[in-house]
PDB file of N, CA and C in Angstrom:
ATOM      1  N   MET A   1      20.349  14.608  -1.221  1.00  0.00           N
ATOM      2  CA  MET A   1      19.974  16.150  -1.276  1.00  0.00           C
ATOM      3  C   MET A   1      20.409  15.826  -2.789  1.00  0.00           C
ATOM      4  N   LEU A   2      21.740  14.698  -2.987  1.00  0.00           N
ATOM      5  CA  LEU A   2      22.139  14.867  -4.120  1.00  0.00           C
ATOM      6  C   LEU A   2      21.259  13.552  -5.074  1.00  0.00           C
ATOM      7  N   PHE A   3      21.333  12.292  -3.471  1.00  0.00           N
ATOM      8  CA  PHE A   3      20.216  11.814  -4.333  1.00  0.00           C
ATOM      9  C   PHE A   3      18.995  11.762  -4.601  1.00  0.00           C
ATOM     10  N   GLY A   4      18.355  12.728  -4.050  1.00  0.00           N
ATOM     11  CA  GLY A   4      16.956  13.148  -4.461  1.00  0.00           C
ATOM     12  C   GLY A   4      16.576  13.561  -5.461  1.00  0.00           C
ATOM     13  N   ALA A   5      18.188  14.355  -6.607  1.00  0.00           N
ATOM     14  CA  ALA A   5      18.483  15.086  -8.014  1.00  0.00           C
ATOM     15  C   ALA A   5      18.349  14.426  -8.293  1.00  0.00           C
ATOM     16  N   LEU A   6      18.677  12.880  -8.599  1.00  0.00           N
ATOM     17  CA  LEU A   6      20.112  12.210  -8.607  1.00  0.00           C
ATOM     18  C   LEU A   6      17.713  11.443  -9.871  1.00  0.00           C
ATOM     19  N   LYS A   7      17.038  11.793  -8.344  1.00  0.00           N
ATOM     20  CA  LYS A   7      16.029  10.866  -9.730  1.00  0.00           C
ATOM     21  C   LYS A   7      14.788  11.545 -10.214  1.00  0.00           C
ATOM     22  N   PHE A   8      15.713  12.680 -10.906  1.00  0.00           N
ATOM     23  CA  PHE A   8      14.739  13.294 -11.522  1.00  0.00           C
ATOM     24  C   PHE A   8      16.145  13.315 -13.433  1.00  0.00           C
ATOM     25  N   PHE A   9      16.958  12.122 -13.277  1.00  0.00           N
ATOM     26  CA  PHE A   9      17.825  12.547 -14.173  1.00  0.00           C
ATOM     27  C   PHE A   9      17.704  10.549 -14.004  1.00  0.00           C
ATOM     28  N   PRO A  10      16.846  10.078 -15.268  1.00  0.00           N
ATOM     29  CA  PRO A  10      16.896   8.660 -14.234  1.00  0.00           C
ATOM     30  C   PRO A  10      18.376   8.264 -15.623  1.00  0.00           C
ATOM     31  N   SER A  11      18.999   7.214 -15.220  1.00  0.00           N
ATOM     32  CA  SER A  11      19.724   6.610 -16.234  1.00  0.00           C
ATOM     33  C   SER A  11      19.673   5.548 -16.228  1.00  0.00           C
ATOM     34  N   SER A  12      20.155   4.245 -17.298  1.00  0.00           N
ATOM     35  CA  SER A  12      19.663   3.270 -17.464  1.00  0.00           C
ATOM     36  C   SER A  12      20.827   1.745 -16.630  1.00  0.00           C
ATOM     37  N   SER A  13      22.278   3.234 -16.462  1.00  0.00           N
ATOM     38  CA  SER A  13      23.884   2.578 -15.234  1.00  0.00           C
ATOM     39  C   SER A  13      23.569   2.383 -14.149  1.00  0.00           C
ATOM     40  N   SER A  14      22.244   1.929 -13.671  1.00  0.00           N
ATOM     41  CA  SER A  14      21.462   1.538 -12.602  1.00  0.00           C
ATOM     42  C   SER A  14      22.610   0.676 -11.842  1.00  0.00           C
ATOM     43  N   ALA A  15      22.986   0.424 -10.392  1.00  0.00           N
ATOM     44  CA  ALA A  15      24.017  -0.369  -9.829  1.00  0.00           C
ATOM     45  C   ALA A  15      22.971  -1.870 -10.282  1.00  0.00           C
ATOM     46  N   ALA A  16      23.084  -2.715 -10.157  1.00  0.00           N
ATOM     47  CA  ALA A  16      22.156  -4.699 -10.832  1.00  0.00           C
ATOM     48  C   ALA A  16      21.789  -4.888  -9.157  1.00  0.00           C
ATOM     49  N   LEU A  17      20.387  -4.330  -8.691  1.00  0.00           N
ATOM     50  CA  LEU A  17      19.444  -5.011  -7.741  1.00  0.00           C
ATOM     51  C   LEU A  17      19.429  -6.506  -7.455  1.00  0.00           C
ATOM     52  N   PRO A  18      19.275  -6.628  -6.732  1.00  0.00           N
ATOM     53  CA  PRO A  18      18.701  -8.133  -6.520  1.00  0.00           C
ATOM     54  C   PRO A  18      17.588  -7.702  -7.578  1.00  0.00           C
ATOM     55  N   ALA A  19      16.590  -9.422  -7.746  1.00  0.00           N
ATOM     56  CA  ALA A  19      14.886  -9.368  -7.930  1.00  0.00           C
ATOM     57  C   ALA A  19      13.492  -8.328  -7.272  1.00  0.00           C
ATOM     58  N   PRO A  20      14.121  -8.594  -6.132  1.00  0.00           N
ATOM     59  CA  PRO A  20      12.932  -8.026  -4.978  1.00  0.00           C
ATOM     60  C   PRO A  20      13.121  -6.576  -5.315  1.00  0.00           C
ATOM     61  N   ALA A  21      14.477  -6.091  -4.915  1.00  0.00           N
ATOM     62  CA  ALA A  21      14.978  -4.439  -5.373  1.00  0.00           C
ATOM     63  C   ALA A  21      14.083  -3.663  -6.641  1.00  0.00           C
ATOM     64  N   MET A  22      14.659  -5.115  -7.586  1.00  0.00           N
ATOM     65  CA  MET A  22      14.790  -4.203  -8.940  1.00  0.00           C
ATOM     66  C   MET A  22      13.274  -4.876  -9.231  1.00  0.00           C
ATOM     67  N   ASP A  23      11.843  -5.424  -8.697  1.00  0.00           N
ATOM     68  CA  ASP A  23      10.604  -5.145  -8.762  1.00  0.00           C
ATOM     69  C   ASP A  23       9.924  -3.947  -8.059  1.00  0.00           C
ATOM     70  N   PHE A  24      10.216  -3.550  -6.920  1.00  0.00           N
ATOM     71  CA  PHE A  24       9.980  -2.825  -6.367  1.00  0.00           C
ATOM     72  C   PHE A  24      10.094  -1.045  -6.497  1.00  0.00           C
ATOM     73  N   MET A  25      11.714  -0.961  -7.093  1.00  0.00           N
ATOM     74  CA  MET A  25      12.208   0.559  -8.432  1.00  0.00           C
ATOM     75  C   MET A  25      10.755  -0.101  -9.353  1.00  0.00           C
ATOM     76  N   THR A  26      11.171  -1.184 -10.168  1.00  0.00           N
ATOM     77  CA  THR A  26       9.942  -0.691 -11.460  1.00  0.00           C
ATOM     78  C   THR A  26       8.354  -0.779 -10.923  1.00  0.00           C
ATOM     79  N   ALA A  27       8.211  -0.591  -9.421  1.00  0.00           N
ATOM     80  CA  ALA A  27       7.112  -0.864  -9.153  1.00  0.00           C
ATOM     81  C   ALA A  27       6.307   0.791  -8.936  1.00  0.00           C
ATOM     82  N   MET A  28       7.544   1.234  -7.825  1.00  0.00           N
ATOM     83  CA  MET A  28       7.076   3.346  -8.000  1.00  0.00           C
ATOM     84  C   MET A  28       8.043   3.774  -9.488  1.00  0.00           C
ATOM     85  N   ALA A  29       8.989   3.326 -10.267  1.00  0.00           N
ATOM     86  CA  ALA A  29       8.767   4.299 -10.750  1.00  0.00           C
ATOM     87  C   ALA A  29       8.122   3.662 -12.127  1.00  0.00           C
ATOM     88  N   SER A  30       6.473   2.888 -12.696  1.00  0.00           N
ATOM     89  CA  SER A  30       5.529   2.418 -13.175  1.00  0.00           C
ATOM     90  C   SER A  30       4.619   3.819 -12.544  1.00  0.00           C
ATOM     91  N   THR A  31       4.580   3.469 -11.620  1.00  0.00           N
ATOM     92  CA  THR A  31       3.134   4.835 -11.074  1.00  0.00           C
ATOM     93  C   THR A  31       3.466   6.097 -11.312  1.00  0.00           C
ATOM     94  N   GLY A  32       4.494   6.906 -12.190  1.00  0.00           N
ATOM     95  CA  GLY A  32       5.176   7.829 -13.027  1.00  0.00           C
ATOM     96  C   GLY A  32       4.579   8.702 -11.808  1.00  0.00           C
ATOM     97  N   TYR A  33       4.061   9.260 -10.871  1.00  0.00           N
ATOM     98  CA  TYR A  33       4.613  10.348  -9.119  1.00  0.00           C
ATOM     99  C   TYR A  33       5.291  10.208  -8.544  1.00  0.00           C
ATOM    100  N   PHE A  34       6.089   8.976  -8.573  1.00  0.00           N
ATOM    101  CA  PHE A  34       5.946   8.757  -6.988  1.00  0.00           C
ATOM    102  C   PHE A  34       7.727   8.642  -7.135  1.00  0.00           C
ATOM    103  N   ILE A  35       8.814   8.294  -7.877  1.00  0.00           N
ATOM    104  CA  ILE A  35       9.772   9.014  -7.739  1.00  0.00           C
ATOM    105  C   ILE A  35      10.436  10.397  -7.810  1.00  0.00           C
ATOM    106  N   PRO A  36       9.581  11.356  -8.854  1.00  0.00           N
ATOM    107  CA  PRO A  36       9.475  12.561  -8.815  1.00  0.00           C
ATOM    108  C   PRO A  36       9.280  13.069  -8.004  1.00  0.00           C
ATOM    109  N   PHE A  37       8.196  13.005  -6.898  1.00  0.00           N
ATOM    110  CA  PHE A  37       7.650  12.790  -5.742  1.00  0.00           C
ATOM    111  C   PHE A  37       9.086  12.727  -4.418  1.00  0.00           C
ATOM    112  N   LEU A  38       9.137  12.235  -4.441  1.00  0.00           N
ATOM    113  CA  LEU A  38      10.091  11.209  -3.739  1.00  0.00           C
ATOM    114  C   LEU A  38      11.452  12.465  -3.847  1.00  0.00           C
ATOM    115  N   GLY A  39      12.227  11.887  -4.995  1.00  0.00           N
ATOM    116  CA  GLY A  39      13.474  13.564  -5.797  1.00  0.00           C
ATOM    117  C   GLY A  39      12.859  14.718  -5.221  1.00  0.00           C
ATOM    118  N   LEU A  40      12.032  14.933  -5.192  1.00  0.00           N
ATOM    119  CA  LEU A  40      11.634  16.654  -4.754  1.00  0.00           C
ATOM    120  C   LEU A  40      11.343  16.910  -3.071  1.00  0.00           C
ATOM    121  N   SER A  41      10.954  15.652  -2.155  1.00  0.00           N
ATOM    122  CA  SER A  41      11.590  15.462  -1.489  1.00  0.00           C
ATOM    123  C   SER A  41      13.091  15.850  -0.356  1.00  0.00           C
ATOM    124  N   GLU A  42      12.916  14.622  -1.077  1.00  0.00           N
ATOM    125  CA  GLU A  42      14.442  14.925  -1.014  1.00  0.00           C
ATOM    126  C   GLU A  42      15.992  16.283  -0.978  1.00  0.00           C
ATOM    127  N   VAL A  43      15.186  16.476  -2.154  1.00  0.00           N
ATOM    128  CA  VAL A  43      15.878  17.750  -2.516  1.00  0.00           C
ATOM    129  C   VAL A  43      15.526  18.624  -1.333  1.00  0.00           C
ATOM    130  N   LEU A  44      13.849  19.093  -1.626  1.00  0.00           N
ATOM    131  CA  LEU A  44      13.941  20.347  -0.260  1.00  0.00           C
ATOM    132  C   LEU A  44      14.010  19.755   1.358  1.00  0.00           C
ATOM    133  N   VAL A  45      14.020  18.924   1.716  1.00  0.00           N
ATOM    134  CA  VAL A  45      14.986  19.232   2.505  1.00  0.00           C
ATOM    135  C   VAL A  45      16.154  18.850   3.407  1.00  0.00           C
ATOM    136  N   GLY A  46      17.016  18.499   2.011  1.00  0.00           N
ATOM    137  CA  GLY A  46      18.277  18.902   1.545  1.00  0.00           C
ATOM    138  C   GLY A  46      18.345  20.297   1.726  1.00  0.00           C
ATOM    139  N   VAL A  47      17.529  20.802   0.936  1.00  0.00           N
ATOM    140  CA  VAL A  47      18.416  22.952   1.056  1.00  0.00           C
ATOM    141  C   VAL A  47      17.478  23.612   2.510  1.00  0.00           C
ATOM    142  N   LEU A  48      16.654  22.452   2.939  1.00  0.00           N
ATOM    143  CA  LEU A  48      16.055  23.900   4.376  1.00  0.00           C
ATOM    144  C   LEU A  48      16.876  23.224   5.352  1.00  0.00           C
ATOM    145  N   LEU A  49      17.843  21.939   5.448  1.00  0.00           N
ATOM    146  CA  LEU A  49      18.825  21.932   6.595  1.00  0.00           C
ATOM    147  C   LEU A  49      20.476  22.325   6.143  1.00  0.00           C
ATOM    148  N   ILE A  50      20.890  22.337   4.818  1.00  0.00           N
ATOM    149  CA  ILE A  50      21.769  23.008   4.445  1.00  0.00           C
ATOM    150  C   ILE A  50      21.590  24.609   4.999  1.00  0.00           C
ATOM    151  N   PHE A  51      20.473  25.098   4.401  1.00  0.00           N
ATOM    152  CA  PHE A  51      20.649  26.583   4.886  1.00  0.00           C
ATOM    153  C   PHE A  51      19.553  26.978   6.323  1.00  0.00           C
ATOM    154  N   ASN A  52      19.039  26.108   7.752  1.00  0.00           N
ATOM    155  CA  ASN A  52      19.369  25.422   8.539  1.00  0.00           C
ATOM    156  C   ASN A  52      17.903  26.511   8.962  1.00  0.00           C
ATOM    157  N   LEU A  53      16.946  26.082   8.146  1.00  0.00           N
ATOM    158  CA  LEU A  53      15.894  26.066   8.431  1.00  0.00           C
ATOM    159  C   LEU A  53      14.584  25.573   7.985  1.00  0.00           C
ATOM    160  N   TRP A  54      13.425  25.957   8.977  1.00  0.00           N
ATOM    161  CA  TRP A  54      12.507  24.622   9.781  1.00  0.00           C
ATOM    162  C   TRP A  54      13.166  22.782   9.837  1.00  0.00           C
ATOM    163  N   VAL A  55      13.985  23.259  10.535  1.00  0.00           N
ATOM    164  CA  VAL A  55      14.697  21.839  11.272  1.00  0.00           C
ATOM    165  C   VAL A  55      14.027  20.679  11.433  1.00  0.00           C
ATOM    166  N   PRO A  56      12.780  21.005  12.586  1.00  0.00           N
ATOM    167  CA  PRO A  56      11.986  20.529  13.239  1.00  0.00           C
ATOM    168  C   PRO A  56      11.578  19.412  11.310  1.00  0.00           C
ATOM    169  N   LEU A  57       9.919  20.376  10.893  1.00  0.00           N
ATOM    170  CA  LEU A  57       9.434  20.160  10.127  1.00  0.00           C
ATOM    171  C   LEU A  57      10.664  19.087   9.786  1.00  0.00           C
ATOM    172  N   SER A  58      12.041  20.190   8.773  1.00  0.00           N
ATOM    173  CA  SER A  58      12.604  18.929   7.837  1.00  0.00           C
ATOM    174  C   SER A  58      13.119  17.794   8.592  1.00  0.00           C
ATOM    175  N   MET A  59      13.483  16.950   9.586  1.00  0.00           N
ATOM    176  CA  MET A  59      13.545  15.983  10.845  1.00  0.00           C
ATOM    177  C   MET A  59      12.326  15.338  10.369  1.00  0.00           C
ATOM    178  N   ILE A  60      11.340  15.452   9.986  1.00  0.00           N
ATOM    179  CA  ILE A  60       9.523  15.203  10.134  1.00  0.00           C
ATOM    180  C   ILE A  60       9.117  14.362   8.877  1.00  0.00           C
ATOM    181  N   ILE A  61      10.303  15.443   7.824  1.00  0.00           N
ATOM    182  CA  ILE A  61       9.546  14.463   6.457  1.00  0.00           C
ATOM    183  C   ILE A  61      10.863  13.455   6.325  1.00  0.00           C
ATOM    184  N   LEU A  62      12.130  13.923   5.786  1.00  0.00           N
ATOM    185  CA  LEU A  62      12.862  13.197   6.716  1.00  0.00           C
ATOM    186  C   LEU A  62      12.499  11.460   6.556  1.00  0.00           C
ATOM    187  N   ALA A  63      12.179  11.385   8.376  1.00  0.00           N
ATOM    188  CA  ALA A  63      11.699  10.493   8.952  1.00  0.00           C
ATOM    189  C   ALA A  63      10.912   8.376   8.047  1.00  0.00           C
ATOM    190  N   PRO A  64      10.141   9.508   7.751  1.00  0.00           N
ATOM    191  CA  PRO A  64       9.476   7.842   7.164  1.00  0.00           C
ATOM    192  C   PRO A  64      10.383   7.343   5.541  1.00  0.00           C
ATOM    193  N   ILE A  65      10.862   9.206   5.411  1.00  0.00           N
ATOM    194  CA  ILE A  65      12.066   7.931   3.707  1.00  0.00           C
ATOM    195  C   ILE A  65      13.477   7.917   3.855  1.00  0.00           C
ATOM    196  N   MET A  66      13.536   7.751   5.956  1.00  0.00           N
ATOM    197  CA  MET A  66      14.634   6.957   6.213  1.00  0.00           C
ATOM    198  C   MET A  66      14.176   5.389   5.884  1.00  0.00           C
ATOM    199  N   LEU A  67      13.044   5.853   7.112  1.00  0.00           N
ATOM    200  CA  LEU A  67      12.282   4.079   7.471  1.00  0.00           C
ATOM    201  C   LEU A  67      12.608   3.267   6.306  1.00  0.00           C
ATOM    202  N   ASN A  68      12.320   3.601   4.984  1.00  0.00           N
ATOM    203  CA  ASN A  68      12.601   3.227   4.426  1.00  0.00           C
ATOM    204  C   ASN A  68      13.076   2.810   3.454  1.00  0.00           C
ATOM    205  N   ILE A  69      14.011   3.369   2.802  1.00  0.00           N
ATOM    206  CA  ILE A  69      15.768   3.649   2.892  1.00  0.00           C
ATOM    207  C   ILE A  69      16.060   1.578   3.814  1.00  0.00           C
ATOM    208  N   ILE A  70      15.937   2.052   5.599  1.00  0.00           N
ATOM    209  CA  ILE A  70      16.700   0.984   6.018  1.00  0.00           C
ATOM    210  C   ILE A  70      15.307   0.124   5.551  1.00  0.00           C
ATOM    211  N   LEU A  71      14.721   0.004   5.346  1.00  0.00           N
ATOM    212  CA  LEU A  71      14.401  -2.003   5.085  1.00  0.00           C
ATOM    213  C   LEU A  71      13.783  -2.055   3.967  1.00  0.00           C
ATOM    214  N   PHE A  72      14.532  -1.219   2.894  1.00  0.00           N
ATOM    215  CA  PHE A  72      14.776  -1.110   1.669  1.00  0.00           C
ATOM    216  C   PHE A  72      16.135  -2.151   2.100  1.00  0.00           C
ATOM    217  N   ASN A  73      17.021  -0.857   2.439  1.00  0.00           N
ATOM    218  CA  ASN A  73      19.079  -2.222   2.758  1.00  0.00           C
ATOM    219  C   ASN A  73      18.659  -3.246   3.782  1.00  0.00           C
ATOM    220  N   LEU A  74      17.174  -3.691   4.507  1.00  0.00           N
ATOM    221  CA  LEU A  74      17.592  -4.451   5.050  1.00  0.00           C
ATOM    222  C   LEU A  74      17.335  -6.579   4.566  1.00  0.00           C
ATOM    223  N   PHE A  75      16.175  -6.140   3.431  1.00  0.00           N
ATOM    224  CA  PHE A  75      15.235  -6.966   2.782  1.00  0.00           C
ATOM    225  C   PHE A  75      14.762  -6.448   1.580  1.00  0.00           C
ATOM    226  N   LEU A  76      14.742  -5.863   0.904  1.00  0.00           N
ATOM    227  CA  LEU A  76      15.061  -6.016  -0.255  1.00  0.00           C
ATOM    228  C   LEU A  76      16.556  -5.939  -0.617  1.00  0.00           C
ATOM    229  N   GLY A  77      17.237  -5.220  -0.774  1.00  0.00           N
ATOM    230  CA  GLY A  77      19.074  -4.926  -1.313  1.00  0.00           C
ATOM    231  C   GLY A  77      19.850  -4.886  -0.287  1.00  0.00           C
ATOM    232  N   PRO A  78      20.253  -6.239   0.239  1.00  0.00           N
ATOM    233  CA  PRO A  78      21.541  -6.262   1.632  1.00  0.00           C
ATOM    234  C   PRO A  78      22.323  -5.571   0.680  1.00  0.00           C
ATOM    235  N   SER A  79      23.518  -4.862   1.199  1.00  0.00           N
ATOM    236  CA  SER A  79      25.037  -4.769   0.811  1.00  0.00           C
ATOM    237  C   SER A  79      25.505  -4.885   1.594  1.00  0.00           C
ATOM    238  N   LEU A  80      27.033  -4.345   1.806  1.00  0.00           N
ATOM    239  CA  LEU A  80      27.589  -3.947   3.120  1.00  0.00           C
ATOM    240  C   LEU A  80      28.034  -2.427   2.756  1.00  0.00           C
ATOM    241  N   MET A  81      28.317  -2.128   1.847  1.00  0.00           N
ATOM    242  CA  MET A  81      27.950  -0.503   1.326  1.00  0.00           C
ATOM    243  C   MET A  81      26.641  -0.213   1.366  1.00  0.00           C
ATOM    244  N   GLY A  82      25.950  -1.076   1.415  1.00  0.00           N
ATOM    245  CA  GLY A  82      24.104  -0.450   1.788  1.00  0.00           C
ATOM    246  C   GLY A  82      24.637   0.198   3.112  1.00  0.00           C
ATOM    247  N   PHE A  83      24.098  -0.941   4.345  1.00  0.00           N
ATOM    248  CA  PHE A  83      24.405  -1.349   5.892  1.00  0.00           C
ATOM    249  C   PHE A  83      25.542   0.301   5.981  1.00  0.00           C
ATOM    250  N   ILE A  84      26.844   0.310   5.230  1.00  0.00           N
ATOM    251  CA  ILE A  84      27.174   2.116   5.936  1.00  0.00           C
ATOM    252  C   ILE A  84      27.068   2.794   5.202  1.00  0.00           C
ATOM    253  N   ILE A  85      26.389   3.372   4.952  1.00  0.00           N
ATOM    254  CA  ILE A  85      25.876   4.134   4.709  1.00  0.00           C
ATOM    255  C   ILE A  85      24.691   4.526   4.919  1.00  0.00           C
ATOM    256  N   VAL A  86      23.479   3.740   4.823  1.00  0.00           N
ATOM    257  CA  VAL A  86      22.068   3.882   6.260  1.00  0.00           C
ATOM    258  C   VAL A  86      22.736   4.107   7.469  1.00  0.00           C
ATOM    259  N   GLY A  87      23.391   3.360   7.102  1.00  0.00           N
ATOM    260  CA  GLY A  87      24.458   3.650   8.956  1.00  0.00           C
ATOM    261  C   GLY A  87      24.577   5.715   9.257  1.00  0.00           C
ATOM    262  N   LEU A  88      25.808   5.458   8.273  1.00  0.00           N
ATOM    263  CA  LEU A  88      25.982   7.322   8.223  1.00  0.00           C
ATOM    264  C   LEU A  88      24.553   7.715   8.455  1.00  0.00           C
ATOM    265  N   LEU A  89      23.457   8.259   7.790  1.00  0.00           N
ATOM    266  CA  LEU A  89      22.708   8.227   6.789  1.00  0.00           C
ATOM    267  C   LEU A  89      21.735   8.932   8.827  1.00  0.00           C
ATOM    268  N   LEU A  90      21.537   7.531   9.644  1.00  0.00           N
ATOM    269  CA  LEU A  90      21.211   7.043  10.555  1.00  0.00           C
ATOM    270  C   LEU A  90      21.879   8.342  11.183  1.00  0.00           C
ATOM    271  N   LEU A  91      22.927   7.770  11.217  1.00  0.00           N
ATOM    272  CA  LEU A  91      23.701   8.793  12.983  1.00  0.00           C
ATOM    273  C   LEU A  91      23.837  10.047  12.551  1.00  0.00           C
ATOM    274  N   LEU A  92      23.602  10.824  11.472  1.00  0.00           N
ATOM    275  CA  LEU A  92      23.634  11.917  11.187  1.00  0.00           C
ATOM    276  C   LEU A  92      21.413  12.726  11.329  1.00  0.00           C
ATOM    277  N   GLN A  93      20.816  11.729  11.060  1.00  0.00           N
ATOM    278  CA  GLN A  93      19.367  12.333  11.597  1.00  0.00           C
ATOM    279  C   GLN A  93      19.635  12.219  12.731  1.00  0.00           C
ATOM    280  N   MET A  94      20.455  11.521  13.666  1.00  0.00           N
ATOM    281  CA  MET A  94      19.965  11.445  15.022  1.00  0.00           C
ATOM    282  C   MET A  94      20.779  12.862  15.777  1.00  0.00           C
ATOM    283  N   TYR A  95      22.741  12.809  15.035  1.00  0.00           N
ATOM    284  CA  TYR A  95      22.750  13.600  15.661  1.00  0.00           C
ATOM    285  C   TYR A  95      21.772  15.305  16.159  1.00  0.00           C
ATOM    286  N   VAL A  96      21.134  15.224  14.622  1.00  0.00           N
ATOM    287  CA  VAL A  96      20.157  16.629  14.740  1.00  0.00           C
ATOM    288  C   VAL A  96      19.532  16.467  15.532  1.00  0.00           C
ATOM    289  N   VAL A  97      18.627  16.048  15.229  1.00  0.00           N
ATOM    290  CA  VAL A  97      17.438  15.243  16.292  1.00  0.00           C
ATOM    291  C   VAL A  97      17.889  15.482  17.732  1.00  0.00           C
ATOM    292  N   TYR A  98      18.899  14.589  18.042  1.00  0.00           N
ATOM    293  CA  TYR A  98      19.221  14.980  19.744  1.00  0.00           C
ATOM    294  C   TYR A  98      20.022  16.628  19.441  1.00  0.00           C
ATOM    295  N   TYR A  99      19.676  16.925  18.584  1.00  0.00           N
ATOM    296  CA  TYR A  99      20.692  18.622  19.240  1.00  0.00           C
ATOM    297  C   TYR A  99      19.342  19.664  19.345  1.00  0.00           C
ATOM    298  N   SER A 100      18.239  19.378  18.253  1.00  0.00           N
ATOM    299  CA  SER A 100      17.572  20.268  18.542  1.00  0.00           C
ATOM    300  C   SER A 100      15.979  19.290  19.304  1.00  0.00           C
ATOM    301  N   TRP A 101      16.411  18.862  19.643  1.00  0.00           N
ATOM    302  CA  TRP A 101      15.534  17.706  21.118  1.00  0.00           C
ATOM    303  C   TRP A 101      14.007  18.375  21.556  1.00  0.00           C
ATOM    304  N   ASP A 102      14.935  19.578  21.765  1.00  0.00           N
ATOM    305  CA  ASP A 102      13.329  20.227  22.583  1.00  0.00           C
ATOM    306  C   ASP A 102      12.076  21.105  21.456  1.00  0.00           C
ATOM    307  N   LYS A 103      12.890  21.178  20.107  1.00  0.00           N
ATOM    308  CA  LYS A 103      11.798  21.049  19.271  1.00  0.00           C
ATOM    309  C   LYS A 103      10.868  19.507  19.619  1.00  0.00           C
ATOM    310  N   TYR A 104      11.230  18.539  19.938  1.00  0.00           N
ATOM    311  CA  TYR A 104      10.674  17.926  19.348  1.00  0.00           C
ATOM    312  C   TYR A 104      10.103  16.983  21.056  1.00  0.00           C
ATOM    313  N   LYS A 105      10.151  17.770  21.617  1.00  0.00           N
ATOM    314  CA  LYS A 105       9.358  16.842  23.316  1.00  0.00           C
ATOM    315  C   LYS A 105       8.081  17.244  23.655  1.00  0.00           C
ATOM    316  N   SER A 106       7.333  18.090  22.855  1.00  0.00           N
ATOM    317  CA  SER A 106       5.992  17.961  22.912  1.00  0.00           C
ATOM    318  C   SER A 106       5.228  17.176  22.595  1.00  0.00           C
ATOM    319  N   LEU A 107       6.153  16.395  21.081  1.00  0.00           N
ATOM    320  CA  LEU A 107       5.240  15.639  20.415  1.00  0.00           C
ATOM    321  C   LEU A 107       5.277  14.170  21.004  1.00  0.00           C
ATOM    322  N   PHE A 108       5.782  13.642  22.305  1.00  0.00           N
ATOM    323  CA  PHE A 108       6.463  12.572  23.511  1.00  0.00           C
ATOM    324  C   PHE A 108       5.688  12.715  24.818  1.00  0.00           C
ATOM    325  N   THR A 109       4.991  14.232  24.719  1.00  0.00           N
ATOM    326  CA  THR A 109       3.690  14.715  26.078  1.00  0.00           C
ATOM    327  C   THR A 109       2.231  13.609  26.285  1.00  0.00           C
ATOM    328  N   LYS A 110       2.142  13.555  27.153  1.00  0.00           N
ATOM    329  CA  LYS A 110       0.123  12.906  27.257  1.00  0.00           C
ATOM    330  C   LYS A 110      -0.552  13.684  27.232  1.00  0.00           C
ATOM    331  N   VAL A 111      -1.237  14.263  26.252  1.00  0.00           N
ATOM    332  CA  VAL A 111      -2.468  15.157  26.350  1.00  0.00           C
ATOM    333  C   VAL A 111      -3.136  14.612  28.126  1.00  0.00           C
ATOM    334  N   LYS A 112      -3.583  15.265  28.695  1.00  0.00           N
ATOM    335  CA  LYS A 112      -4.305  15.207  30.161  1.00  0.00           C
ATOM    336  C   LYS A 112      -5.447  15.304  29.029  1.00  0.00           C
TER     337      LYS A 112
END
């Protein structure tokens, strides 16, 4: 939720990123809408999870965001700290999904 909120307050003192990661971030920022949309999505999911509201929907919204964070850290800006943070976020997401698995079962059943 914090990182989502920070997307609304751009700062010039961002961490040095490798060229491919900086190119990617510049392209997203140049659209004019994507960074605020991503920040709003992250804040919304964070608030819903904190207040234990619509957890399954929140986790479904969070899944593609997490996938992008993982792929970004694997291919564009690999760092030890990035891998540690991604690992912790992934463990937390798996924990929440595990304890609400009964809500997701129907997504994985074959329709006859």
